Amino acid sequence: MKPYLIDTHAHMYADEFKDDRAECMERALGEGVGLTILPNIDGTSIPEMAAMQVRWPEQIRAMMGLHPCYVKADYRDQLRQIETVLRNGDFVAIGEIGIDLYWDKTTLDWQIDAFVQQLQWAQQLNLPICIHARESLPEIFDTLESHTFPGLKGVFHCFTGNMADVERASKIGNFYFGLGGVITFKNGGMADVASQLPIDRILLETDAPYLSPAPFRGKRNETAYTLKVAQELAKIRSAELDDIAEQTTKNALKLFNLQNVK
């Protein structure tokens, strides 16, 4: 029997799964992935994500937020729509939110404004946040440190920082660190950090359909591959797979305040 795992970040509502979404969800169960948490992107991703919650109520939980890559000229309208859905729905976190300076640096001011507004929602609703920080950790930290958000908690999704970044984040709030397929990459540079992170601060994720773990790198990722991430983490840390599964699942249950799971 495979250990119980939680994929804390997967875009399984994406078009890449339109032809075999049901088969993917069945494969996830077969690999021990009993729960998958979906991060929102923008207004267009809400309907399919909601449909998945209805079809797979035991396997799916959802976040709500505006992804920084989708912060455009209409972002305030997007935020109004997303806030309405957030305040009238059942969501385990606000996400994914943050700053992305890989694709577009010209929207930085808009991204910061959207990030801060969503951080305020998290404080008002007592929800954790899921931070997207691609090539933007300094800006993320500066934003968090220049505002006051008592009780802030969340996860740095697809964490690619170092242990100094872990220490800085831990001084800001109650943060966890999402590890995914990157830790399986030969030259990914994350094995050392994955070996040093406190085990009670680690969450497993896939970011499906992106960042497939080896040996599937370059192909479509899916939530079933959470098991590959867990196996690699166990190898890196010279630990038992069952122990990795148990602790990371416990971490996810705690951060996202998940009830009636497993």
Protein backbone atom coordinates (compact mmCIF):
# COMPACT_ATOMS: atom_id res chain seq x y z
CA MET A 1 0.00 0.00 0.00
CA LYS A 2 1.40 3.37 -1.03
CA PRO A 3 1.66 6.14 1.60
CA TYR A 4 -0.91 8.95 1.68
CA LEU A 5 0.35 12.08 -0.07
CA ILE A 6 -0.98 15.58 -0.67
CA ASP A 7 -0.11 17.53 -3.79
CA THR A 8 -0.30 21.07 -2.45
CA HIS A 9 -0.06 22.80 -5.84
CA ALA A 10 -1.34 21.50 -9.19
CA HIS A 11 -3.20 23.16 -12.07
CA MET A 12 -5.21 20.06 -12.93
CA TYR A 13 -8.00 22.21 -14.37
CA ALA A 14 -5.68 23.35 -17.19
CA ASP A 15 -6.44 22.65 -20.84
CA GLU A 16 -3.54 20.19 -20.94
CA PHE A 17 -5.81 17.74 -19.07
CA LYS A 18 -9.07 18.33 -20.97
CA ASP A 19 -8.92 14.94 -22.72
CA ASP A 20 -7.93 12.72 -19.79
CA ARG A 21 -8.56 14.61 -16.55
CA ALA A 22 -10.56 11.76 -15.04
CA GLU A 23 -7.82 9.25 -15.85
CA CYS A 24 -5.25 11.57 -14.25
CA MET A 25 -7.26 11.80 -11.06
CA GLU A 26 -7.59 8.02 -10.98
CA ARG A 27 -3.84 7.63 -11.46
CA ALA A 28 -3.27 10.04 -8.58
CA LEU A 29 -5.27 7.83 -6.24
CA GLY A 30 -3.36 4.81 -7.47
CA GLU A 31 -0.08 6.50 -6.51
CA GLY A 32 -1.32 7.43 -3.06
CA VAL A 33 -2.10 11.08 -3.81
CA GLY A 34 -5.34 11.34 -1.89
CA LEU A 35 -5.71 15.11 -2.07
CA THR A 36 -4.75 17.76 -4.62
CA ILE A 37 -4.93 21.49 -3.95
CA LEU A 38 -5.63 23.71 -6.95
CA PRO A 39 -4.25 27.28 -7.09
CA ASN A 40 -6.27 29.80 -9.07
CA ILE A 41 -4.82 31.88 -11.91
CA ASP A 42 -7.36 34.55 -12.87
CA GLY A 43 -11.06 34.94 -13.63
CA THR A 44 -10.98 32.50 -16.53
CA SER A 45 -9.71 29.58 -14.44
CA ILE A 46 -12.47 29.77 -11.83
CA PRO A 47 -15.23 27.79 -13.65
CA GLU A 48 -13.14 24.70 -14.45
CA MET A 49 -11.62 24.70 -10.99
CA ALA A 50 -15.08 24.87 -9.45
CA ALA A 51 -16.21 22.01 -11.69
CA MET A 52 -13.37 19.85 -10.40
CA GLN A 53 -14.37 20.59 -6.81
CA VAL A 54 -17.88 19.35 -7.59
CA ARG A 55 -16.78 16.24 -9.48
CA TRP A 56 -14.03 15.16 -7.06
CA PRO A 57 -15.08 16.52 -3.64
CA GLU A 58 -12.90 14.01 -1.76
CA GLN A 59 -9.80 14.61 -3.87
CA ILE A 60 -9.88 18.34 -4.50
CA ARG A 61 -9.47 21.51 -2.45
CA ALA A 62 -8.93 24.95 -3.95
CA MET A 63 -7.25 28.29 -3.42
CA MET A 64 -8.42 31.62 -4.79
CA GLY A 65 -6.19 34.44 -5.99
CA LEU A 66 -4.74 36.35 -8.92
CA HIS A 67 -1.48 34.95 -10.28
CA PRO A 68 1.17 37.67 -10.77
CA CYS A 69 1.71 36.73 -14.43
CA TYR A 70 -1.93 37.66 -15.04
CA VAL A 71 -1.71 41.06 -13.41
CA LYS A 72 -2.45 43.27 -16.41
CA ALA A 73 -4.06 46.67 -16.99
CA ASP A 74 -7.43 45.27 -15.85
CA TYR A 75 -6.05 43.76 -12.64
CA ARG A 76 -8.29 45.78 -10.35
CA ASP A 77 -11.36 44.41 -12.14
CA GLN A 78 -9.88 40.92 -11.85
CA LEU A 79 -9.31 41.43 -8.13
CA ARG A 80 -12.91 42.53 -7.60
CA GLN A 81 -14.19 39.39 -9.32
CA ILE A 82 -11.81 37.14 -7.41
CA GLU A 83 -12.61 38.74 -4.07
CA THR A 84 -16.34 38.13 -4.60
CA VAL A 85 -15.70 34.46 -5.35
CA LEU A 86 -13.29 34.17 -2.42
CA ARG A 87 -15.70 35.62 0.12
CA ASN A 88 -18.59 33.47 -1.08
CA GLY A 89 -16.78 30.16 -1.49
CA ASP A 90 -14.88 27.50 0.39
CA PHE A 91 -11.14 27.92 -0.12
CA VAL A 92 -8.15 26.69 1.87
CA ALA A 93 -5.77 29.51 0.91
CA ILE A 94 -5.27 32.64 -1.14
CA GLY A 95 -3.14 31.82 -4.13
CA GLU A 96 -1.30 31.75 -6.09
CA ILE A 97 -0.17 35.30 -5.50
CA GLY A 98 3.15 37.11 -5.47
CA ILE A 99 5.60 38.62 -7.93
CA ASP A 100 7.07 37.25 -11.17
CA LEU A 101 9.98 39.07 -12.78
CA TYR A 102 10.87 36.32 -15.24
CA TRP A 103 8.21 37.09 -17.82
CA ASP A 104 7.47 40.80 -17.41
CA LYS A 105 9.28 43.35 -15.27
CA THR A 106 7.21 46.28 -16.54
CA THR A 107 4.19 45.34 -14.39
CA LEU A 108 6.11 45.26 -11.10
CA ASP A 109 4.18 48.12 -9.50
CA TRP A 110 0.86 46.53 -10.43
CA GLN A 111 2.06 43.16 -9.16
CA ILE A 112 3.08 44.62 -5.80
CA ASP A 113 -0.27 46.41 -5.47
CA ALA A 114 -2.20 43.21 -6.25
CA PHE A 115 0.02 41.20 -3.90
CA VAL A 116 -0.55 43.59 -0.99
CA GLN A 117 -4.30 43.67 -1.52
CA GLN A 118 -4.46 39.89 -1.46
CA LEU A 119 -2.25 39.76 1.64
CA GLN A 120 -4.84 41.96 3.30
CA TRP A 121 -7.58 39.48 2.37
CA ALA A 122 -5.53 36.68 3.93
CA GLN A 123 -5.31 38.62 7.18
CA GLN A 124 -9.02 39.47 7.17
CA LEU A 125 -10.08 35.88 6.47
CA ASN A 126 -7.34 34.16 8.49
CA LEU A 127 -6.23 32.15 5.47
CA PRO A 128 -2.73 31.06 4.47
CA ILE A 129 -1.15 32.39 1.29
CA CYS A 130 0.60 30.60 -1.56
CA ILE A 131 3.48 32.73 -2.85
CA HIS A 132 4.76 32.65 -6.42
CA ALA A 133 8.27 34.13 -6.37
CA ARG A 134 9.96 33.56 -9.71
CA GLU A 135 13.17 35.59 -9.85
CA SER A 136 11.60 37.91 -7.28
CA LEU A 137 12.49 36.76 -3.77
CA PRO A 138 14.12 40.13 -2.85
CA GLU A 139 11.01 42.00 -3.98
CA ILE A 140 8.74 39.54 -2.17
CA PHE A 141 10.70 39.93 1.05
CA ASP A 142 10.83 43.72 0.74
CA THR A 143 7.05 43.85 0.25
CA LEU A 144 6.34 41.58 3.20
CA GLU A 145 8.77 43.42 5.47
CA SER A 146 7.49 46.88 4.58
CA HIS A 147 3.95 46.04 5.71
CA THR A 148 2.50 44.61 8.90
CA PHE A 149 0.56 41.38 8.57
CA PRO A 150 0.15 39.83 12.04
CA GLY A 151 -0.28 36.08 11.98
CA LEU A 152 0.88 35.74 8.37
CA LYS A 153 1.24 32.12 7.27
CA GLY A 154 1.69 30.35 4.01
CA VAL A 155 3.94 28.53 1.59
CA PHE A 156 6.64 29.62 -0.83
CA HIS A 157 5.52 27.64 -3.86
CA CYS A 158 8.25 26.04 -5.99
CA PHE A 159 10.88 27.24 -3.55
CA THR A 160 14.26 27.78 -5.20
CA GLY A 161 15.95 29.93 -2.57
CA ASN A 162 18.73 29.12 -0.13
CA MET A 163 18.85 28.60 3.62
CA ALA A 164 19.41 32.31 4.21
CA ASP A 165 16.12 32.92 2.41
CA VAL A 166 14.47 30.29 4.61
CA GLU A 167 15.72 32.10 7.71
CA ARG A 168 14.52 35.48 6.41
CA ALA A 169 11.08 34.08 5.56
CA SER A 170 10.79 32.49 8.97
CA LYS A 171 11.30 35.88 10.63
CA ILE A 172 8.46 37.35 8.59
CA GLY A 173 5.78 34.75 9.21
CA ASN A 174 4.84 31.12 9.68
CA PHE A 175 6.08 29.81 6.34
CA TYR A 176 6.44 26.43 4.68
CA PHE A 177 8.38 25.64 1.51
CA GLY A 178 6.97 23.76 -1.47
CA LEU A 179 9.28 21.24 -3.14
CA GLY A 180 8.47 19.70 -6.49
CA GLY A 181 10.04 18.26 -9.60
CA VAL A 182 13.02 20.63 -9.48
CA ILE A 183 14.59 18.57 -6.69
CA THR A 184 14.87 15.66 -9.15
CA PHE A 185 16.75 17.72 -11.76
CA LYS A 186 20.40 16.74 -12.07
CA ASN A 187 21.54 20.36 -12.17
CA GLY A 188 18.58 21.88 -10.38
CA GLY A 189 20.67 22.96 -7.41
CA MET A 190 17.95 22.23 -4.85
CA ALA A 191 19.10 18.91 -3.40
CA ASP A 192 21.31 20.61 -0.82
CA VAL A 193 18.53 22.91 0.37
CA ALA A 194 16.04 20.02 0.39
CA SER A 195 18.42 18.11 2.66
CA GLN A 196 18.69 21.01 5.13
CA LEU A 197 15.12 22.30 5.31
CA PRO A 198 13.39 21.41 8.58
CA ILE A 199 11.14 18.48 7.75
CA ASP A 200 8.22 20.14 9.53
CA ARG A 201 8.45 23.02 7.03
CA ILE A 202 8.27 21.02 3.78
CA LEU A 203 5.25 20.59 1.51
CA LEU A 204 5.13 18.38 -1.58
CA GLU A 205 3.82 19.74 -4.87
CA THR A 206 3.91 19.11 -8.60
CA ASP A 207 2.87 22.42 -10.24
CA ALA A 208 1.27 20.22 -12.90
CA PRO A 209 1.28 20.45 -15.88
CA TYR A 210 4.67 22.15 -15.46
CA LEU A 211 8.05 21.08 -14.02
CA SER A 212 7.71 17.33 -14.40
CA PRO A 213 10.11 15.36 -12.22
CA ALA A 214 12.69 13.02 -13.69
CA PRO A 215 12.31 10.74 -15.58
CA PHE A 216 9.36 12.67 -17.10
CA ARG A 217 11.13 16.01 -17.49
CA GLY A 218 10.00 17.80 -20.64
CA LYS A 219 6.66 15.98 -20.66
CA ARG A 220 3.35 16.95 -19.09
CA ASN A 221 3.37 16.81 -15.33
CA GLU A 222 0.40 15.50 -13.33
CA THR A 223 -0.58 15.21 -9.70
CA ALA A 224 0.22 11.47 -9.59
CA TYR A 225 3.91 12.39 -9.84
CA THR A 226 3.84 13.71 -6.28
CA LEU A 227 5.04 10.23 -5.41
CA LYS A 228 8.19 10.78 -7.52
CA VAL A 229 8.91 13.97 -5.59
CA ALA A 230 8.41 12.20 -2.26
CA GLN A 231 10.69 9.35 -3.32
CA GLU A 232 13.43 11.77 -4.35
CA LEU A 233 13.11 13.71 -1.12
CA ALA A 234 13.43 10.49 0.87
CA LYS A 235 16.57 9.65 -1.12
CA ILE A 236 18.09 13.11 -0.59
CA ARG A 237 17.45 12.99 3.14
CA SER A 238 18.31 9.29 3.60
CA ALA A 239 14.85 8.84 5.07
CA GLU A 240 12.04 6.34 4.76
CA LEU A 241 9.37 7.19 2.20
CA ASP A 242 6.63 6.53 4.76
CA ASP A 243 8.20 9.05 7.14
CA ILE A 244 8.44 11.70 4.42
CA ALA A 245 4.83 11.09 3.43
CA GLU A 246 3.57 11.19 7.00
CA GLN A 247 5.33 14.42 7.91
CA THR A 248 4.63 16.36 4.71
CA THR A 249 0.98 15.32 4.85
CA LYS A 250 0.82 16.46 8.47
CA ASN A 251 2.36 19.78 7.43
CA ALA A 252 -0.23 20.32 4.70
CA LEU A 253 -3.13 19.42 6.96
CA LYS A 254 -1.87 21.93 9.53
CA LEU A 255 -1.14 24.85 7.20
CA PHE A 256 -4.35 24.58 5.19
CA ASN A 257 -6.50 23.68 8.22
CA LEU A 258 -7.82 20.63 6.42
CA GLN A 259 -10.53 18.69 8.17
CA ASN A 260 -12.05 15.30 7.43
CA VAL A 261 -9.16 14.29 5.19
CA LYS A 262 -7.69 10.77 4.92
